Amino acid sequence: NDCKWLQENKSSAEARIAVLESQQHQWHQEKERLQDTLRQKCVQEAVHLAEKQFMEKNSKTIDREVQHLRGSLQSTDASLKVVAKEKQDLEVQNIQLKMRLESADSLR
């Protein structure tokens, strides 16, 4: 009788061990899945952070270039105004010279 009871207990214990081993295997798979998900999230976050830093750096570089180009444009505008004034002065001098030539020609 004790032997039968021990045999049943052994069978019951073996069945529980099999269930626990199956659960342990499932938990191990779930743990691996969660670790993979966590790694993917970490990689995604790292990529996102790198992209953000890259964009901030590029934004600052672009801002500096825009400022430089605006300065160059202002300098060019100023130079164009000087050239336009010199052209106007030369045109006035040219007209004055033509009038003097015409006046000199009429005196001959």
PDB file of N, CA and C in Angstrom:
ATOM      1  N   ASN A   1       0.842  -1.198   0.000  1.00  0.00           N
ATOM      2  CA  ASN A   1       0.000   0.000   0.000  1.00  0.00           C
ATOM      3  C   ASN A   1       0.879   1.249   0.000  1.00  0.00           C
ATOM      4  N   ASP A   2       1.884   1.236   0.863  1.00  0.00           N
ATOM      5  CA  ASP A   2       2.830   2.355   0.891  1.00  0.00           C
ATOM      6  C   ASP A   2       3.562   2.474  -0.433  1.00  0.00           C
ATOM      7  N   CYS A   3       3.829   1.340  -1.003  1.00  0.00           N
ATOM      8  CA  CYS A   3       4.544   1.327  -2.286  1.00  0.00           C
ATOM      9  C   CYS A   3       3.670   1.934  -3.373  1.00  0.00           C
ATOM     10  N   LYS A   4       2.380   1.612  -3.349  1.00  0.00           N
ATOM     11  CA  LYS A   4       1.434   2.168  -4.334  1.00  0.00           C
ATOM     12  C   LYS A   4       1.342   3.690  -4.154  1.00  0.00           C
ATOM     13  N   TRP A   5       1.234   4.100  -2.880  1.00  0.00           N
ATOM     14  CA  TRP A   5       1.131   5.538  -2.579  1.00  0.00           C
ATOM     15  C   TRP A   5       2.396   6.268  -3.025  1.00  0.00           C
ATOM     16  N   LEU A   6       3.551   5.687  -2.784  1.00  0.00           N
ATOM     17  CA  LEU A   6       4.809   6.279  -3.210  1.00  0.00           C
ATOM     18  C   LEU A   6       4.897   6.351  -4.729  1.00  0.00           C
ATOM     19  N   GLN A   7       4.411   5.317  -5.385  1.00  0.00           N
ATOM     20  CA  GLN A   7       4.430   5.292  -6.850  1.00  0.00           C
ATOM     21  C   GLN A   7       3.529   6.405  -7.400  1.00  0.00           C
ATOM     22  N   GLU A   8       2.328   6.580  -6.821  1.00  0.00           N
ATOM     23  CA  GLU A   8       1.397   7.626  -7.258  1.00  0.00           C
ATOM     24  C   GLU A   8       1.994   9.011  -6.980  1.00  0.00           C
ATOM     25  N   ASN A   9       2.601   9.154  -5.806  1.00  0.00           N
ATOM     26  CA  ASN A   9       3.247  10.422  -5.448  1.00  0.00           C
ATOM     27  C   ASN A   9       4.367  10.741  -6.434  1.00  0.00           C
ATOM     28  N   LYS A  10       5.143   9.689  -6.780  1.00  0.00           N
ATOM     29  CA  LYS A  10       6.241   9.867  -7.724  1.00  0.00           C
ATOM     30  C   LYS A  10       5.694  10.296  -9.082  1.00  0.00           C
ATOM     31  N   SER A  11       4.631   9.644  -9.530  1.00  0.00           N
ATOM     32  CA  SER A  11       4.025   9.993 -10.825  1.00  0.00           C
ATOM     33  C   SER A  11       3.477  11.415 -10.806  1.00  0.00           C
ATOM     34  N   SER A  12       2.825  11.769  -9.706  1.00  0.00           N
ATOM     35  CA  SER A  12       2.280  13.116  -9.562  1.00  0.00           C
ATOM     36  C   SER A  12       3.416  14.157  -9.553  1.00  0.00           C
ATOM     37  N   ALA A  13       4.480  13.848  -8.853  1.00  0.00           N
ATOM     38  CA  ALA A  13       5.627  14.763  -8.783  1.00  0.00           C
ATOM     39  C   ALA A  13       6.281  14.901 -10.155  1.00  0.00           C
ATOM     40  N   GLU A  14       6.392  13.782 -10.865  1.00  0.00           N
ATOM     41  CA  GLU A  14       6.982  13.831 -12.212  1.00  0.00           C
ATOM     42  C   GLU A  14       6.115  14.656 -13.152  1.00  0.00           C
ATOM     43  N   ALA A  15       4.793  14.538 -13.023  1.00  0.00           N
ATOM     44  CA  ALA A  15       3.871  15.325 -13.857  1.00  0.00           C
ATOM     45  C   ALA A  15       4.011  16.809 -13.540  1.00  0.00           C
ATOM     46  N   ARG A  16       4.105  17.121 -12.232  1.00  0.00           N
ATOM     47  CA  ARG A  16       4.292  18.537 -11.847  1.00  0.00           C
ATOM     48  C   ARG A  16       5.625  19.068 -12.352  1.00  0.00           C
ATOM     49  N   ILE A  17       6.670  18.255 -12.286  1.00  0.00           N
ATOM     50  CA  ILE A  17       7.988  18.653 -12.796  1.00  0.00           C
ATOM     51  C   ILE A  17       7.907  18.936 -14.287  1.00  0.00           C
ATOM     52  N   ALA A  18       7.196  18.083 -15.029  1.00  0.00           N
ATOM     53  CA  ALA A  18       7.053  18.276 -16.474  1.00  0.00           C
ATOM     54  C   ALA A  18       6.325  19.590 -16.762  1.00  0.00           C
ATOM     55  N   VAL A  19       5.264  19.873 -15.992  1.00  0.00           N
ATOM     56  CA  VAL A  19       4.517  21.132 -16.163  1.00  0.00           C
ATOM     57  C   VAL A  19       5.425  22.318 -15.841  1.00  0.00           C
ATOM     58  N   LEU A  20       6.162  22.220 -14.746  1.00  0.00           N
ATOM     59  CA  LEU A  20       7.052  23.319 -14.347  1.00  0.00           C
ATOM     60  C   LEU A  20       8.168  23.534 -15.367  1.00  0.00           C
ATOM     61  N   GLU A  21       8.708  22.430 -15.898  1.00  0.00           N
ATOM     62  CA  GLU A  21       9.747  22.563 -16.922  1.00  0.00           C
ATOM     63  C   GLU A  21       9.191  23.211 -18.182  1.00  0.00           C
ATOM     64  N   SER A  22       7.968  22.858 -18.526  1.00  0.00           N
ATOM     65  CA  SER A  22       7.314  23.469 -19.692  1.00  0.00           C
ATOM     66  C   SER A  22       7.107  24.960 -19.454  1.00  0.00           C
ATOM     67  N   GLN A  23       6.627  25.319 -18.241  1.00  0.00           N
ATOM     68  CA  GLN A  23       6.447  26.734 -17.898  1.00  0.00           C
ATOM     69  C   GLN A  23       7.787  27.455 -17.916  1.00  0.00           C
ATOM     70  N   GLN A  24       8.813  26.804 -17.377  1.00  0.00           N
ATOM     71  CA  GLN A  24      10.151  27.412 -17.353  1.00  0.00           C
ATOM     72  C   GLN A  24      10.626  27.680 -18.776  1.00  0.00           C
ATOM     73  N   HIS A  25      10.398  26.728 -19.672  1.00  0.00           N
ATOM     74  CA  HIS A  25      10.787  26.905 -21.083  1.00  0.00           C
ATOM     75  C   HIS A  25      10.020  28.075 -21.706  1.00  0.00           C
ATOM     76  N   GLN A  26       8.706  28.142 -21.434  1.00  0.00           N
ATOM     77  CA  GLN A  26       7.892  29.251 -21.964  1.00  0.00           C
ATOM     78  C   GLN A  26       8.369  30.589 -21.409  1.00  0.00           C
ATOM     79  N   TRP A  27       8.671  30.622 -20.126  1.00  0.00           N
ATOM     80  CA  TRP A  27       9.151  31.872 -19.517  1.00  0.00           C
ATOM     81  C   TRP A  27      10.500  32.275 -20.101  1.00  0.00           C
ATOM     82  N   HIS A  28      11.340  31.284 -20.349  1.00  0.00           N
ATOM     83  CA  HIS A  28      12.651  31.564 -20.949  1.00  0.00           C
ATOM     84  C   HIS A  28      12.459  32.167 -22.349  1.00  0.00           C
ATOM     85  N   GLN A  29      11.536  31.585 -23.137  1.00  0.00           N
ATOM     86  CA  GLN A  29      11.253  32.131 -24.471  1.00  0.00           C
ATOM     87  C   GLN A  29      10.693  33.551 -24.377  1.00  0.00           C
ATOM     88  N   GLU A  30       9.800  33.762 -23.424  1.00  0.00           N
ATOM     89  CA  GLU A  30       9.219  35.099 -23.229  1.00  0.00           C
ATOM     90  C   GLU A  30      10.295  36.091 -22.809  1.00  0.00           C
ATOM     91  N   LYS A  31      11.195  35.645 -21.926  1.00  0.00           N
ATOM     92  CA  LYS A  31      12.306  36.501 -21.492  1.00  0.00           C
ATOM     93  C   LYS A  31      13.164  36.886 -22.693  1.00  0.00           C
ATOM     94  N   GLU A  32      13.494  35.919 -23.559  1.00  0.00           N
ATOM     95  CA  GLU A  32      14.294  36.214 -24.755  1.00  0.00           C
ATOM     96  C   GLU A  32      13.565  37.179 -25.681  1.00  0.00           C
ATOM     97  N   ARG A  33      12.237  36.965 -25.830  1.00  0.00           N
ATOM     98  CA  ARG A  33      11.447  37.857 -26.683  1.00  0.00           C
ATOM     99  C   ARG A  33      11.458  39.281 -26.125  1.00  0.00           C
ATOM    100  N   LEU A  34      11.288  39.409 -24.813  1.00  0.00           N
ATOM    101  CA  LEU A  34      11.298  40.728 -24.179  1.00  0.00           C
ATOM    102  C   LEU A  34      12.677  41.384 -24.283  1.00  0.00           C
ATOM    103  N   GLN A  35      13.744  40.585 -24.138  1.00  0.00           N
ATOM    104  CA  GLN A  35      15.094  41.129 -24.281  1.00  0.00           C
ATOM    105  C   GLN A  35      15.331  41.620 -25.712  1.00  0.00           C
ATOM    106  N   ASP A  36      14.839  40.840 -26.696  1.00  0.00           N
ATOM    107  CA  ASP A  36      14.962  41.268 -28.092  1.00  0.00           C
ATOM    108  C   ASP A  36      14.200  42.574 -28.331  1.00  0.00           C
ATOM    109  N   THR A  37      12.996  42.632 -27.772  1.00  0.00           N
ATOM    110  CA  THR A  37      12.186  43.847 -27.905  1.00  0.00           C
ATOM    111  C   THR A  37      12.904  45.030 -27.258  1.00  0.00           C
ATOM    112  N   LEU A  38      13.469  44.797 -26.073  1.00  0.00           N
ATOM    113  CA  LEU A  38      14.190  45.852 -25.374  1.00  0.00           C
ATOM    114  C   LEU A  38      15.402  46.312 -26.182  1.00  0.00           C
ATOM    115  N   ARG A  39      16.148  45.354 -26.743  1.00  0.00           N
ATOM    116  CA  ARG A  39      17.298  45.716 -27.582  1.00  0.00           C
ATOM    117  C   ARG A  39      16.850  46.547 -28.779  1.00  0.00           C
ATOM    118  N   GLN A  40      15.758  46.123 -29.421  1.00  0.00           N
ATOM    119  CA  GLN A  40      15.239  46.874 -30.574  1.00  0.00           C
ATOM    120  C   GLN A  40      14.840  48.287 -30.162  1.00  0.00           C
ATOM    121  N   LYS A  41      14.170  48.394 -29.019  1.00  0.00           N
ATOM    122  CA  LYS A  41      13.766  49.721 -28.523  1.00  0.00           C
ATOM    123  C   LYS A  41      14.994  50.579 -28.233  1.00  0.00           C
ATOM    124  N   CYS A  42      16.024  49.964 -27.637  1.00  0.00           N
ATOM    125  CA  CYS A  42      17.247  50.709 -27.332  1.00  0.00           C
ATOM    126  C   CYS A  42      17.918  51.185 -28.616  1.00  0.00           C
ATOM    127  N   VAL A  43      17.966  50.304 -29.618  1.00  0.00           N
ATOM    128  CA  VAL A  43      18.558  50.676 -30.903  1.00  0.00           C
ATOM    129  C   VAL A  43      17.740  51.798 -31.537  1.00  0.00           C
ATOM    130  N   GLN A  44      16.409  51.651 -31.524  1.00  0.00           N
ATOM    131  CA  GLN A  44      15.545  52.692 -32.092  1.00  0.00           C
ATOM    132  C   GLN A  44      15.766  54.030 -31.379  1.00  0.00           C
ATOM    133  N   GLU A  45      15.862  53.983 -30.067  1.00  0.00           N
ATOM    134  CA  GLU A  45      16.070  55.210 -29.288  1.00  0.00           C
ATOM    135  C   GLU A  45      17.433  55.824 -29.610  1.00  0.00           C
ATOM    136  N   ALA A  46      18.449  54.969 -29.732  1.00  0.00           N
ATOM    137  CA  ALA A  46      19.787  55.465 -30.062  1.00  0.00           C
ATOM    138  C   ALA A  46      19.798  56.099 -31.447  1.00  0.00           C
ATOM    139  N   VAL A  47      19.139  55.468 -32.400  1.00  0.00           N
ATOM    140  CA  VAL A  47      19.057  56.021 -33.756  1.00  0.00           C
ATOM    141  C   VAL A  47      18.298  57.350 -33.726  1.00  0.00           C
ATOM    142  N   HIS A  48      17.190  57.371 -33.005  1.00  0.00           N
ATOM    143  CA  HIS A  48      16.406  58.609 -32.901  1.00  0.00           C
ATOM    144  C   HIS A  48      17.240  59.735 -32.295  1.00  0.00           C
ATOM    145  N   LEU A  49      17.977  59.413 -31.233  1.00  0.00           N
ATOM    146  CA  LEU A  49      18.818  60.410 -30.574  1.00  0.00           C
ATOM    147  C   LEU A  49      19.921  60.899 -31.521  1.00  0.00           C
ATOM    148  N   ALA A  50      20.533  59.963 -32.242  1.00  0.00           N
ATOM    149  CA  ALA A  50      21.589  60.339 -33.191  1.00  0.00           C
ATOM    150  C   ALA A  50      21.024  61.229 -34.295  1.00  0.00           C
ATOM    151  N   GLU A  51      19.843  60.887 -34.800  1.00  0.00           N
ATOM    152  CA  GLU A  51      19.210  61.713 -35.832  1.00  0.00           C
ATOM    153  C   GLU A  51      18.914  63.106 -35.295  1.00  0.00           C
ATOM    154  N   LYS A  52      18.409  63.164 -34.072  1.00  0.00           N
ATOM    155  CA  LYS A  52      18.088  64.458 -33.457  1.00  0.00           C
ATOM    156  C   LYS A  52      19.348  65.312 -33.309  1.00  0.00           C
ATOM    157  N   GLN A  53      20.437  64.697 -32.811  1.00  0.00           N
ATOM    158  CA  GLN A  53      21.691  65.433 -32.655  1.00  0.00           C
ATOM    159  C   GLN A  53      22.224  65.886 -34.006  1.00  0.00           C
ATOM    160  N   PHE A  54      22.118  65.016 -35.017  1.00  0.00           N
ATOM    161  CA  PHE A  54      22.575  65.351 -36.359  1.00  0.00           C
ATOM    162  C   PHE A  54      21.789  66.545 -36.901  1.00  0.00           C
ATOM    163  N   MET A  55      20.470  66.518 -36.717  1.00  0.00           N
ATOM    164  CA  MET A  55      19.625  67.603 -37.210  1.00  0.00           C
ATOM    165  C   MET A  55      19.937  68.910 -36.475  1.00  0.00           C
ATOM    166  N   GLU A  56      20.148  68.832 -35.155  1.00  0.00           N
ATOM    167  CA  GLU A  56      20.480  70.044 -34.399  1.00  0.00           C
ATOM    168  C   GLU A  56      21.810  70.619 -34.868  1.00  0.00           C
ATOM    169  N   LYS A  57      22.790  69.743 -35.077  1.00  0.00           N
ATOM    170  CA  LYS A  57      24.109  70.190 -35.545  1.00  0.00           C
ATOM    171  C   LYS A  57      23.984  70.803 -36.936  1.00  0.00           C
ATOM    172  N   ASN A  58      23.261  70.103 -37.835  1.00  0.00           N
ATOM    173  CA  ASN A  58      23.080  70.624 -39.186  1.00  0.00           C
ATOM    174  C   ASN A  58      22.317  71.930 -39.166  1.00  0.00           C
ATOM    175  N   SER A  59      21.345  72.030 -38.288  1.00  0.00           N
ATOM    176  CA  SER A  59      20.555  73.252 -38.185  1.00  0.00           C
ATOM    177  C   SER A  59      21.459  74.431 -37.823  1.00  0.00           C
ATOM    178  N   LYS A  60      22.369  74.210 -36.873  1.00  0.00           N
ATOM    179  CA  LYS A  60      23.293  75.274 -36.468  1.00  0.00           C
ATOM    180  C   LYS A  60      24.235  75.626 -37.622  1.00  0.00           C
ATOM    181  N   THR A  61      24.713  74.600 -38.322  1.00  0.00           N
ATOM    182  CA  THR A  61      25.602  74.836 -39.472  1.00  0.00           C
ATOM    183  C   THR A  61      24.860  75.618 -40.555  1.00  0.00           C
ATOM    184  N   ILE A  62      23.634  75.212 -40.822  1.00  0.00           N
ATOM    185  CA  ILE A  62      22.830  75.899 -41.843  1.00  0.00           C
ATOM    186  C   ILE A  62      22.564  77.337 -41.422  1.00  0.00           C
ATOM    187  N   ASP A  63      22.251  77.556 -40.148  1.00  0.00           N
ATOM    188  CA  ASP A  63      22.021  78.916 -39.647  1.00  0.00           C
ATOM    189  C   ASP A  63      23.266  79.786 -39.860  1.00  0.00           C
ATOM    190  N   ARG A  64      24.449  79.224 -39.560  1.00  0.00           N
ATOM    191  CA  ARG A  64      25.690  79.980 -39.759  1.00  0.00           C
ATOM    192  C   ARG A  64      25.894  80.300 -41.233  1.00  0.00           C
ATOM    193  N   GLU A  65      25.624  79.323 -42.105  1.00  0.00           N
ATOM    194  CA  GLU A  65      25.785  79.559 -43.546  1.00  0.00           C
ATOM    195  C   GLU A  65      24.815  80.628 -44.038  1.00  0.00           C
ATOM    196  N   VAL A  66      23.584  80.575 -43.542  1.00  0.00           N
ATOM    197  CA  VAL A  66      22.581  81.576 -43.935  1.00  0.00           C
ATOM    198  C   VAL A  66      23.041  82.970 -43.500  1.00  0.00           C
ATOM    199  N   GLN A  67      23.540  83.076 -42.265  1.00  0.00           N
ATOM    200  CA  GLN A  67      24.044  84.365 -41.775  1.00  0.00           C
ATOM    201  C   GLN A  67      25.204  84.852 -42.656  1.00  0.00           C
ATOM    202  N   HIS A  68      26.104  83.948 -42.991  1.00  0.00           N
ATOM    203  CA  HIS A  68      27.247  84.305 -43.839  1.00  0.00           C
ATOM    204  C   HIS A  68      26.765  84.786 -45.209  1.00  0.00           C
ATOM    205  N   LEU A  69      25.810  84.055 -45.781  1.00  0.00           N
ATOM    206  CA  LEU A  69      25.293  84.436 -47.101  1.00  0.00           C
ATOM    207  C   LEU A  69      24.555  85.775 -47.041  1.00  0.00           C
ATOM    208  N   ARG A  70      23.838  86.015 -45.964  1.00  0.00           N
ATOM    209  CA  ARG A  70      23.157  87.316 -45.816  1.00  0.00           C
ATOM    210  C   ARG A  70      24.190  88.445 -45.759  1.00  0.00           C
ATOM    211  N   GLY A  71      25.277  88.209 -45.009  1.00  0.00           N
ATOM    212  CA  GLY A  71      26.344  89.207 -44.939  1.00  0.00           C
ATOM    213  C   GLY A  71      26.960  89.439 -46.310  1.00  0.00           C
ATOM    214  N   SER A  72      27.198  88.360 -47.049  1.00  0.00           N
ATOM    215  CA  SER A  72      27.766  88.486 -48.401  1.00  0.00           C
ATOM    216  C   SER A  72      26.807  89.241 -49.315  1.00  0.00           C
ATOM    217  N   LEU A  73      25.530  88.948 -49.171  1.00  0.00           N
ATOM    218  CA  LEU A  73      24.531  89.623 -50.002  1.00  0.00           C
ATOM    219  C   LEU A  73      24.491  91.115 -49.690  1.00  0.00           C
ATOM    220  N   GLN A  74      24.556  91.478 -48.411  1.00  0.00           N
ATOM    221  CA  GLN A  74      24.564  92.898 -48.039  1.00  0.00           C
ATOM    222  C   GLN A  74      25.812  93.581 -48.595  1.00  0.00           C
ATOM    223  N   SER A  75      26.944  92.896 -48.502  1.00  0.00           N
ATOM    224  CA  SER A  75      28.197  93.439 -49.022  1.00  0.00           C
ATOM    225  C   SER A  75      28.101  93.635 -50.542  1.00  0.00           C
ATOM    226  N   THR A  76      27.513  92.651 -51.217  1.00  0.00           N
ATOM    227  CA  THR A  76      27.343  92.741 -52.672  1.00  0.00           C
ATOM    228  C   THR A  76      26.412  93.890 -53.036  1.00  0.00           C
ATOM    229  N   ASP A  77      25.322  94.028 -52.287  1.00  0.00           N
ATOM    230  CA  ASP A  77      24.391  95.139 -52.535  1.00  0.00           C
ATOM    231  C   ASP A  77      25.099  96.489 -52.379  1.00  0.00           C
ATOM    232  N   ALA A  78      25.907  96.604 -51.339  1.00  0.00           N
ATOM    233  CA  ALA A  78      26.642  97.852 -51.110  1.00  0.00           C
ATOM    234  C   ALA A  78      27.605  98.109 -52.269  1.00  0.00           C
ATOM    235  N   SER A  79      28.300  97.060 -52.709  1.00  0.00           N
ATOM    236  CA  SER A  79      29.234  97.210 -53.838  1.00  0.00           C
ATOM    237  C   SER A  79      28.490  97.621 -55.108  1.00  0.00           C
ATOM    238  N   LEU A  80      27.330  97.028 -55.332  1.00  0.00           N
ATOM    239  CA  LEU A  80      26.539  97.376 -56.522  1.00  0.00           C
ATOM    240  C   LEU A  80      26.107  98.844 -56.486  1.00  0.00           C
ATOM    241  N   LYS A  81      25.757  99.347 -55.313  1.00  0.00           N
ATOM    242  CA  LYS A  81      25.369 100.750 -55.185  1.00  0.00           C
ATOM    243  C   LYS A  81      26.557 101.666 -55.507  1.00  0.00           C
ATOM    244  N   VAL A  82      27.751 101.273 -55.020  1.00  0.00           N
ATOM    245  CA  VAL A  82      28.955 102.065 -55.315  1.00  0.00           C
ATOM    246  C   VAL A  82      29.215 102.067 -56.818  1.00  0.00           C
ATOM    247  N   VAL A  83      29.117 100.886 -57.441  1.00  0.00           N
ATOM    248  CA  VAL A  83      29.359 100.776 -58.886  1.00  0.00           C
ATOM    249  C   VAL A  83      28.326 101.587 -59.655  1.00  0.00           C
ATOM    250  N   ALA A  84      27.067 101.522 -59.245  1.00  0.00           N
ATOM    251  CA  ALA A  84      26.012 102.283 -59.929  1.00  0.00           C
ATOM    252  C   ALA A  84      26.283 103.790 -59.823  1.00  0.00           C
ATOM    253  N   LYS A  85      26.729 104.229 -58.647  1.00  0.00           N
ATOM    254  CA  LYS A  85      27.047 105.654 -58.455  1.00  0.00           C
ATOM    255  C   LYS A  85      28.225 106.050 -59.346  1.00  0.00           C
ATOM    256  N   GLU A  86      29.276 105.184 -59.383  1.00  0.00           N
ATOM    257  CA  GLU A  86      30.429 105.490 -60.240  1.00  0.00           C
ATOM    258  C   GLU A  86      30.011 105.539 -61.702  1.00  0.00           C
ATOM    259  N   LYS A  87      29.132 104.636 -62.127  1.00  0.00           N
ATOM    260  CA  LYS A  87      28.647 104.619 -63.506  1.00  0.00           C
ATOM    261  C   LYS A  87      27.898 105.917 -63.817  1.00  0.00           C
ATOM    262  N   GLN A  88      27.053 106.312 -62.861  1.00  0.00           N
ATOM    263  CA  GLN A  88      26.290 107.549 -63.045  1.00  0.00           C
ATOM    264  C   GLN A  88      27.244 108.751 -63.166  1.00  0.00           C
ATOM    265  N   ASP A  89      28.266 108.794 -62.277  1.00  0.00           N
ATOM    266  CA  ASP A  89      29.253 109.886 -62.329  1.00  0.00           C
ATOM    267  C   ASP A  89      29.976 109.894 -63.682  1.00  0.00           C
ATOM    268  N   LEU A  90      30.349 108.705 -64.173  1.00  0.00           N
ATOM    269  CA  LEU A  90      31.050 108.611 -65.458  1.00  0.00           C
ATOM    270  C   LEU A  90      30.142 109.056 -66.605  1.00  0.00           C
ATOM    271  N   GLU A  91      28.853 108.722 -66.524  1.00  0.00           N
ATOM    272  CA  GLU A  91      27.921 109.148 -67.570  1.00  0.00           C
ATOM    273  C   GLU A  91      27.793 110.678 -67.590  1.00  0.00           C
ATOM    274  N   VAL A  92      27.745 111.262 -66.385  1.00  0.00           N
ATOM    275  CA  VAL A  92      27.676 112.731 -66.291  1.00  0.00           C
ATOM    276  C   VAL A  92      28.948 113.335 -66.888  1.00  0.00           C
ATOM    277  N   GLN A  93      30.115 112.783 -66.522  1.00  0.00           N
ATOM    278  CA  GLN A  93      31.390 113.287 -67.064  1.00  0.00           C
ATOM    279  C   GLN A  93      31.424 113.126 -68.578  1.00  0.00           C
ATOM    280  N   ASN A  94      30.905 112.014 -69.068  1.00  0.00           N
ATOM    281  CA  ASN A  94      30.873 111.758 -70.502  1.00  0.00           C
ATOM    282  C   ASN A  94      30.029 112.813 -71.221  1.00  0.00           C
ATOM    283  N   ILE A  95      28.871 113.129 -70.639  1.00  0.00           N
ATOM    284  CA  ILE A  95      27.999 114.158 -71.235  1.00  0.00           C
ATOM    285  C   ILE A  95      28.702 115.513 -71.228  1.00  0.00           C
ATOM    286  N   GLN A  96      29.354 115.816 -70.087  1.00  0.00           N
ATOM    287  CA  GLN A  96      30.082 117.099 -69.993  1.00  0.00           C
ATOM    288  C   GLN A  96      31.198 117.161 -71.041  1.00  0.00           C
ATOM    289  N   LEU A  97      31.924 116.044 -71.218  1.00  0.00           N
ATOM    290  CA  LEU A  97      33.001 116.025 -72.231  1.00  0.00           C
ATOM    291  C   LEU A  97      32.440 116.201 -73.632  1.00  0.00           C
ATOM    292  N   LYS A  98      31.322 115.562 -73.939  1.00  0.00           N
ATOM    293  CA  LYS A  98      30.708 115.712 -75.266  1.00  0.00           C
ATOM    294  C   LYS A  98      30.298 117.167 -75.509  1.00  0.00           C
ATOM    295  N   MET A  99      29.744 117.772 -74.433  1.00  0.00           N
ATOM    296  CA  MET A  99      29.320 119.181 -74.589  1.00  0.00           C
ATOM    297  C   MET A  99      30.538 120.073 -74.822  1.00  0.00           C
ATOM    298  N   ARG A 100      31.646 119.814 -74.128  1.00  0.00           N
ATOM    299  CA  ARG A 100      32.862 120.597 -74.324  1.00  0.00           C
ATOM    300  C   ARG A 100      33.401 120.404 -75.745  1.00  0.00           C
ATOM    301  N   LEU A 101      33.377 119.112 -76.204  1.00  0.00           N
ATOM    302  CA  LEU A 101      33.844 118.836 -77.572  1.00  0.00           C
ATOM    303  C   LEU A 101      32.984 119.567 -78.604  1.00  0.00           C
ATOM    304  N   GLU A 102      31.673 119.505 -78.391  1.00  0.00           N
ATOM    305  CA  GLU A 102      30.768 120.183 -79.318  1.00  0.00           C
ATOM    306  C   GLU A 102      31.020 121.698 -79.288  1.00  0.00           C
ATOM    307  N   SER A 103      31.261 122.223 -78.090  1.00  0.00           N
ATOM    308  CA  SER A 103      31.519 123.638 -77.930  1.00  0.00           C
ATOM    309  C   SER A 103      32.860 124.000 -78.607  1.00  0.00           C
ATOM    310  N   ALA A 104      33.853 123.139 -78.418  1.00  0.00           N
ATOM    311  CA  ALA A 104      35.160 123.387 -79.054  1.00  0.00           C
ATOM    312  C   ALA A 104      35.050 123.295 -80.563  1.00  0.00           C
ATOM    313  N   ASP A 105      34.263 122.333 -81.055  1.00  0.00           N
ATOM    314  CA  ASP A 105      34.076 122.176 -82.500  1.00  0.00           C
ATOM    315  C   ASP A 105      33.347 123.394 -83.093  1.00  0.00           C
ATOM    316  N   SER A 106      32.405 123.940 -82.357  1.00  0.00           N
ATOM    317  CA  SER A 106      31.667 125.079 -82.881  1.00  0.00           C
ATOM    318  C   SER A 106      32.523 126.352 -82.887  1.00  0.00           C
ATOM    319  N   LEU A 107      33.556 126.379 -82.034  1.00  0.00           N
ATOM    320  CA  LEU A 107      34.440 127.540 -82.014  1.00  0.00           C
ATOM    321  C   LEU A 107      35.411 127.514 -83.182  1.00  0.00           C
ATOM    322  N   ARG A 108      35.644 126.394 -83.805  1.00  0.00           N
ATOM    323  CA  ARG A 108      36.598 126.292 -84.919  1.00  0.00           C
ATOM    324  C   ARG A 108      36.069 126.896 -86.137  1.00  0.00           C
TER     325      ARG A 108
END
